[in-house]
Amino acid sequence: MSVNDRAPVAVRFLRQEAENFALFNYVTELNGEIEARQEEVNSVQQNIDATHDEQQETIAATEHELETLMVGGGLHRRYNETRMSNLAQG
């Protein structure tokens, strides 16, 4: 193989190496974006979980307060009487 025959092979090799390097950089950039998006998803999930926990605490506190008001005001007895009356009629 002469030097003239090797030149196109070398040019082709260099072009392929440049393309491979460009693709490697692109994949690396995509991986970085994927990691950033995953961190965002994790943050949103943590916010959802925290909000859910807060809502559950609020519900429990409200139910407790309602029960306290019903028992303290005699409403619990009247509520049960009304409920039993409605069940008997229905």
N, C-alpha and C. Protein backbone atom coordinates (compact mmCIF):
# COMPACT_ATOMS: atom_id res chain seq x y z
N MET A 1 0.84 -1.16 0.00
CA MET A 1 0.00 0.00 0.00
C MET A 1 0.90 1.24 0.00
N SER A 2 0.66 2.10 -0.91
CA SER A 2 1.49 3.29 -1.03
C SER A 2 0.98 4.39 -0.11
N VAL A 3 1.79 5.44 0.03
CA VAL A 3 1.42 6.57 0.88
C VAL A 3 0.14 7.22 0.36
N ASN A 4 0.00 7.30 -0.97
CA ASN A 4 -1.20 7.89 -1.56
C ASN A 4 -2.44 7.06 -1.24
N ASP A 5 -2.29 5.76 -1.12
CA ASP A 5 -3.42 4.89 -0.79
C ASP A 5 -3.83 5.03 0.68
N ARG A 6 -2.86 5.37 1.51
CA ARG A 6 -3.13 5.49 2.95
C ARG A 6 -3.81 6.81 3.31
N ALA A 7 -3.62 7.81 2.55
CA ALA A 7 -4.17 9.14 2.87
C ALA A 7 -5.68 9.11 3.00
N PRO A 8 -6.45 8.52 2.05
CA PRO A 8 -7.91 8.49 2.23
C PRO A 8 -8.34 7.71 3.47
N VAL A 9 -7.57 6.65 3.77
CA VAL A 9 -7.90 5.86 4.96
C VAL A 9 -7.68 6.71 6.21
N ALA A 10 -6.60 7.45 6.25
CA ALA A 10 -6.31 8.30 7.41
C ALA A 10 -7.35 9.40 7.54
N VAL A 11 -7.75 10.01 6.43
CA VAL A 11 -8.78 11.05 6.47
C VAL A 11 -10.09 10.46 6.97
N ARG A 12 -10.43 9.30 6.46
CA ARG A 12 -11.66 8.64 6.90
C ARG A 12 -11.61 8.32 8.39
N PHE A 13 -10.47 7.84 8.85
CA PHE A 13 -10.29 7.52 10.27
C PHE A 13 -10.46 8.77 11.13
N LEU A 14 -9.84 9.87 10.71
CA LEU A 14 -9.93 11.12 11.48
C LEU A 14 -11.36 11.65 11.51
N ARG A 15 -12.07 11.55 10.40
CA ARG A 15 -13.47 11.98 10.37
C ARG A 15 -14.32 11.12 11.31
N GLN A 16 -14.08 9.83 11.28
CA GLN A 16 -14.83 8.92 12.15
C GLN A 16 -14.54 9.21 13.62
N GLU A 17 -13.28 9.49 13.93
CA GLU A 17 -12.92 9.83 15.31
C GLU A 17 -13.60 11.12 15.75
N ALA A 18 -13.67 12.10 14.87
CA ALA A 18 -14.34 13.37 15.20
C ALA A 18 -15.83 13.14 15.43
N GLU A 19 -16.43 12.30 14.59
CA GLU A 19 -17.86 12.00 14.77
C GLU A 19 -18.09 11.24 16.08
N ASN A 20 -17.23 10.28 16.37
CA ASN A 20 -17.36 9.52 17.62
C ASN A 20 -17.24 10.44 18.84
N PHE A 21 -16.29 11.37 18.77
CA PHE A 21 -16.10 12.30 19.89
C PHE A 21 -17.33 13.20 20.04
N ALA A 22 -17.89 13.67 18.94
CA ALA A 22 -19.09 14.51 18.98
C ALA A 22 -20.25 13.72 19.59
N LEU A 23 -20.41 12.47 19.19
CA LEU A 23 -21.48 11.63 19.74
C LEU A 23 -21.27 11.37 21.23
N PHE A 24 -20.03 11.14 21.62
CA PHE A 24 -19.71 10.94 23.03
C PHE A 24 -20.10 12.18 23.84
N ASN A 25 -19.76 13.35 23.34
CA ASN A 25 -20.11 14.60 24.04
C ASN A 25 -21.62 14.77 24.12
N TYR A 26 -22.33 14.42 23.06
CA TYR A 26 -23.78 14.53 23.04
C TYR A 26 -24.41 13.60 24.08
N VAL A 27 -23.95 12.37 24.14
CA VAL A 27 -24.47 11.41 25.12
C VAL A 27 -24.17 11.88 26.54
N THR A 28 -22.99 12.41 26.75
CA THR A 28 -22.62 12.92 28.08
C THR A 28 -23.55 14.08 28.48
N GLU A 29 -23.84 14.96 27.53
CA GLU A 29 -24.75 16.08 27.80
C GLU A 29 -26.16 15.57 28.11
N LEU A 30 -26.63 14.58 27.36
CA LEU A 30 -27.96 14.01 27.62
C LEU A 30 -28.02 13.37 29.00
N ASN A 31 -26.97 12.66 29.37
CA ASN A 31 -26.94 12.04 30.70
C ASN A 31 -27.02 13.10 31.80
N GLY A 32 -26.34 14.21 31.60
CA GLY A 32 -26.41 15.31 32.57
C GLY A 32 -27.82 15.86 32.68
N GLU A 33 -28.49 16.02 31.54
CA GLU A 33 -29.87 16.51 31.56
C GLU A 33 -30.81 15.51 32.23
N ILE A 34 -30.60 14.24 31.99
CA ILE A 34 -31.43 13.20 32.62
C ILE A 34 -31.26 13.26 34.14
N GLU A 35 -30.03 13.40 34.60
CA GLU A 35 -29.78 13.48 36.05
C GLU A 35 -30.46 14.71 36.65
N ALA A 36 -30.38 15.84 35.93
CA ALA A 36 -31.02 17.06 36.43
C ALA A 36 -32.54 16.88 36.50
N ARG A 37 -33.13 16.27 35.51
CA ARG A 37 -34.58 16.05 35.51
C ARG A 37 -34.97 15.08 36.62
N GLN A 38 -34.14 14.07 36.86
CA GLN A 38 -34.44 13.12 37.93
C GLN A 38 -34.41 13.80 39.29
N GLU A 39 -33.47 14.72 39.47
CA GLU A 39 -33.42 15.48 40.72
C GLU A 39 -34.68 16.34 40.87
N GLU A 40 -35.14 16.93 39.76
CA GLU A 40 -36.38 17.72 39.81
C GLU A 40 -37.56 16.83 40.18
N VAL A 41 -37.63 15.65 39.59
CA VAL A 41 -38.72 14.71 39.89
C VAL A 41 -38.68 14.33 41.37
N ASN A 42 -37.49 14.04 41.87
CA ASN A 42 -37.35 13.68 43.29
C ASN A 42 -37.81 14.83 44.19
N SER A 43 -37.47 16.05 43.83
CA SER A 43 -37.87 17.21 44.62
C SER A 43 -39.39 17.38 44.61
N VAL A 44 -40.00 17.23 43.45
CA VAL A 44 -41.45 17.34 43.35
C VAL A 44 -42.12 16.24 44.17
N GLN A 45 -41.58 15.02 44.10
CA GLN A 45 -42.15 13.91 44.87
C GLN A 45 -42.07 14.19 46.37
N GLN A 46 -40.95 14.75 46.81
CA GLN A 46 -40.82 15.10 48.23
C GLN A 46 -41.85 16.15 48.63
N ASN A 47 -42.09 17.13 47.75
CA ASN A 47 -43.10 18.15 48.03
C ASN A 47 -44.49 17.53 48.10
N ILE A 48 -44.77 16.60 47.20
CA ILE A 48 -46.07 15.91 47.21
C ILE A 48 -46.23 15.14 48.51
N ASP A 49 -45.21 14.41 48.90
CA ASP A 49 -45.27 13.63 50.14
C ASP A 49 -45.47 14.52 51.35
N ALA A 50 -44.75 15.65 51.40
CA ALA A 50 -44.88 16.57 52.53
C ALA A 50 -46.29 17.16 52.59
N THR A 51 -46.81 17.53 51.43
CA THR A 51 -48.16 18.10 51.38
C THR A 51 -49.18 17.06 51.81
N HIS A 52 -49.01 15.83 51.38
CA HIS A 52 -49.92 14.76 51.76
C HIS A 52 -49.89 14.56 53.27
N ASP A 53 -48.70 14.54 53.84
CA ASP A 53 -48.58 14.38 55.30
C ASP A 53 -49.26 15.52 56.03
N GLU A 54 -49.06 16.76 55.54
CA GLU A 54 -49.71 17.91 56.17
C GLU A 54 -51.23 17.80 56.08
N GLN A 55 -51.72 17.35 54.94
CA GLN A 55 -53.17 17.20 54.79
C GLN A 55 -53.72 16.14 55.75
N GLN A 56 -53.00 15.04 55.89
CA GLN A 56 -53.44 13.99 56.81
C GLN A 56 -53.47 14.51 58.24
N GLU A 57 -52.47 15.30 58.62
CA GLU A 57 -52.45 15.88 59.97
C GLU A 57 -53.62 16.85 60.16
N THR A 58 -53.90 17.65 59.14
CA THR A 58 -55.02 18.59 59.22
C THR A 58 -56.34 17.86 59.34
N ILE A 59 -56.50 16.81 58.56
CA ILE A 59 -57.74 16.01 58.62
C ILE A 59 -57.91 15.41 60.01
N ALA A 60 -56.83 14.83 60.55
CA ALA A 60 -56.91 14.21 61.87
C ALA A 60 -57.26 15.25 62.93
N ALA A 61 -56.64 16.42 62.85
CA ALA A 61 -56.92 17.47 63.83
C ALA A 61 -58.36 17.96 63.71
N THR A 62 -58.83 18.11 62.50
CA THR A 62 -60.20 18.56 62.28
C THR A 62 -61.20 17.53 62.77
N GLU A 63 -60.95 16.27 62.50
CA GLU A 63 -61.84 15.20 62.99
C GLU A 63 -61.86 15.18 64.51
N HIS A 64 -60.68 15.35 65.12
CA HIS A 64 -60.62 15.37 66.58
C HIS A 64 -61.40 16.55 67.14
N GLU A 65 -61.23 17.71 66.53
CA GLU A 65 -61.94 18.90 66.99
C GLU A 65 -63.45 18.72 66.83
N LEU A 66 -63.87 18.15 65.71
CA LEU A 66 -65.29 17.91 65.49
C LEU A 66 -65.85 16.95 66.54
N GLU A 67 -65.10 15.89 66.81
CA GLU A 67 -65.55 14.91 67.81
C GLU A 67 -65.65 15.58 69.18
N THR A 68 -64.67 16.41 69.51
CA THR A 68 -64.69 17.12 70.79
C THR A 68 -65.90 18.03 70.89
N LEU A 69 -66.19 18.74 69.82
CA LEU A 69 -67.35 19.63 69.82
C LEU A 69 -68.65 18.85 69.93
N MET A 70 -68.72 17.73 69.24
CA MET A 70 -69.95 16.93 69.26
C MET A 70 -70.18 16.33 70.64
N VAL A 71 -69.15 15.79 71.26
CA VAL A 71 -69.28 15.18 72.58
C VAL A 71 -69.51 16.26 73.62
N GLY A 72 -68.75 17.31 73.56
CA GLY A 72 -68.85 18.39 74.55
C GLY A 72 -70.19 19.10 74.50
N GLY A 73 -70.76 19.22 73.35
CA GLY A 73 -72.01 19.95 73.22
C GLY A 73 -73.23 19.06 73.22
N GLY A 74 -73.06 17.81 73.48
CA GLY A 74 -74.19 16.90 73.46
C GLY A 74 -74.65 16.58 72.05
N LEU A 75 -73.92 17.04 71.09
CA LEU A 75 -74.31 16.80 69.71
C LEU A 75 -74.11 15.34 69.32
N HIS A 76 -73.16 14.71 69.97
CA HIS A 76 -72.88 13.31 69.63
C HIS A 76 -74.12 12.46 69.86
N ARG A 77 -74.76 12.65 71.03
CA ARG A 77 -75.96 11.88 71.36
C ARG A 77 -77.06 12.19 70.37
N ARG A 78 -77.27 13.49 70.11
CA ARG A 78 -78.33 13.87 69.17
C ARG A 78 -78.04 13.37 67.76
N TYR A 79 -76.78 13.38 67.37
CA TYR A 79 -76.40 12.88 66.05
C TYR A 79 -76.75 11.40 65.95
N ASN A 80 -76.38 10.64 66.98
CA ASN A 80 -76.67 9.21 66.96
C ASN A 80 -78.17 8.94 66.96
N GLU A 81 -78.93 9.72 67.73
CA GLU A 81 -80.39 9.55 67.75
C GLU A 81 -80.97 9.83 66.36
N THR A 82 -80.51 10.89 65.74
CA THR A 82 -80.99 11.24 64.40
C THR A 82 -80.60 10.15 63.40
N ARG A 83 -79.42 9.70 63.53
CA ARG A 83 -78.93 8.65 62.61
C ARG A 83 -79.75 7.38 62.78
N MET A 84 -80.01 6.98 64.02
CA MET A 84 -80.79 5.77 64.27
C MET A 84 -82.23 5.95 63.76
N SER A 85 -82.77 7.13 63.96
CA SER A 85 -84.12 7.43 63.48
C SER A 85 -84.18 7.33 61.95
N ASN A 86 -83.19 7.89 61.30
CA ASN A 86 -83.12 7.84 59.85
C ASN A 86 -82.96 6.41 59.33
N LEU A 87 -82.18 5.63 60.05
CA LEU A 87 -81.99 4.23 59.66
C LEU A 87 -83.30 3.45 59.82
N ALA A 88 -84.03 3.75 60.90
CA ALA A 88 -85.30 3.05 61.14
C ALA A 88 -86.33 3.42 60.07
N GLN A 89 -86.29 4.65 59.62
CA GLN A 89 -87.25 5.08 58.60
C GLN A 89 -86.86 4.60 57.21
N GLY A 90 -85.57 4.44 56.96
CA GLY A 90 -85.09 4.13 55.61
C GLY A 90 -85.08 2.71 55.32
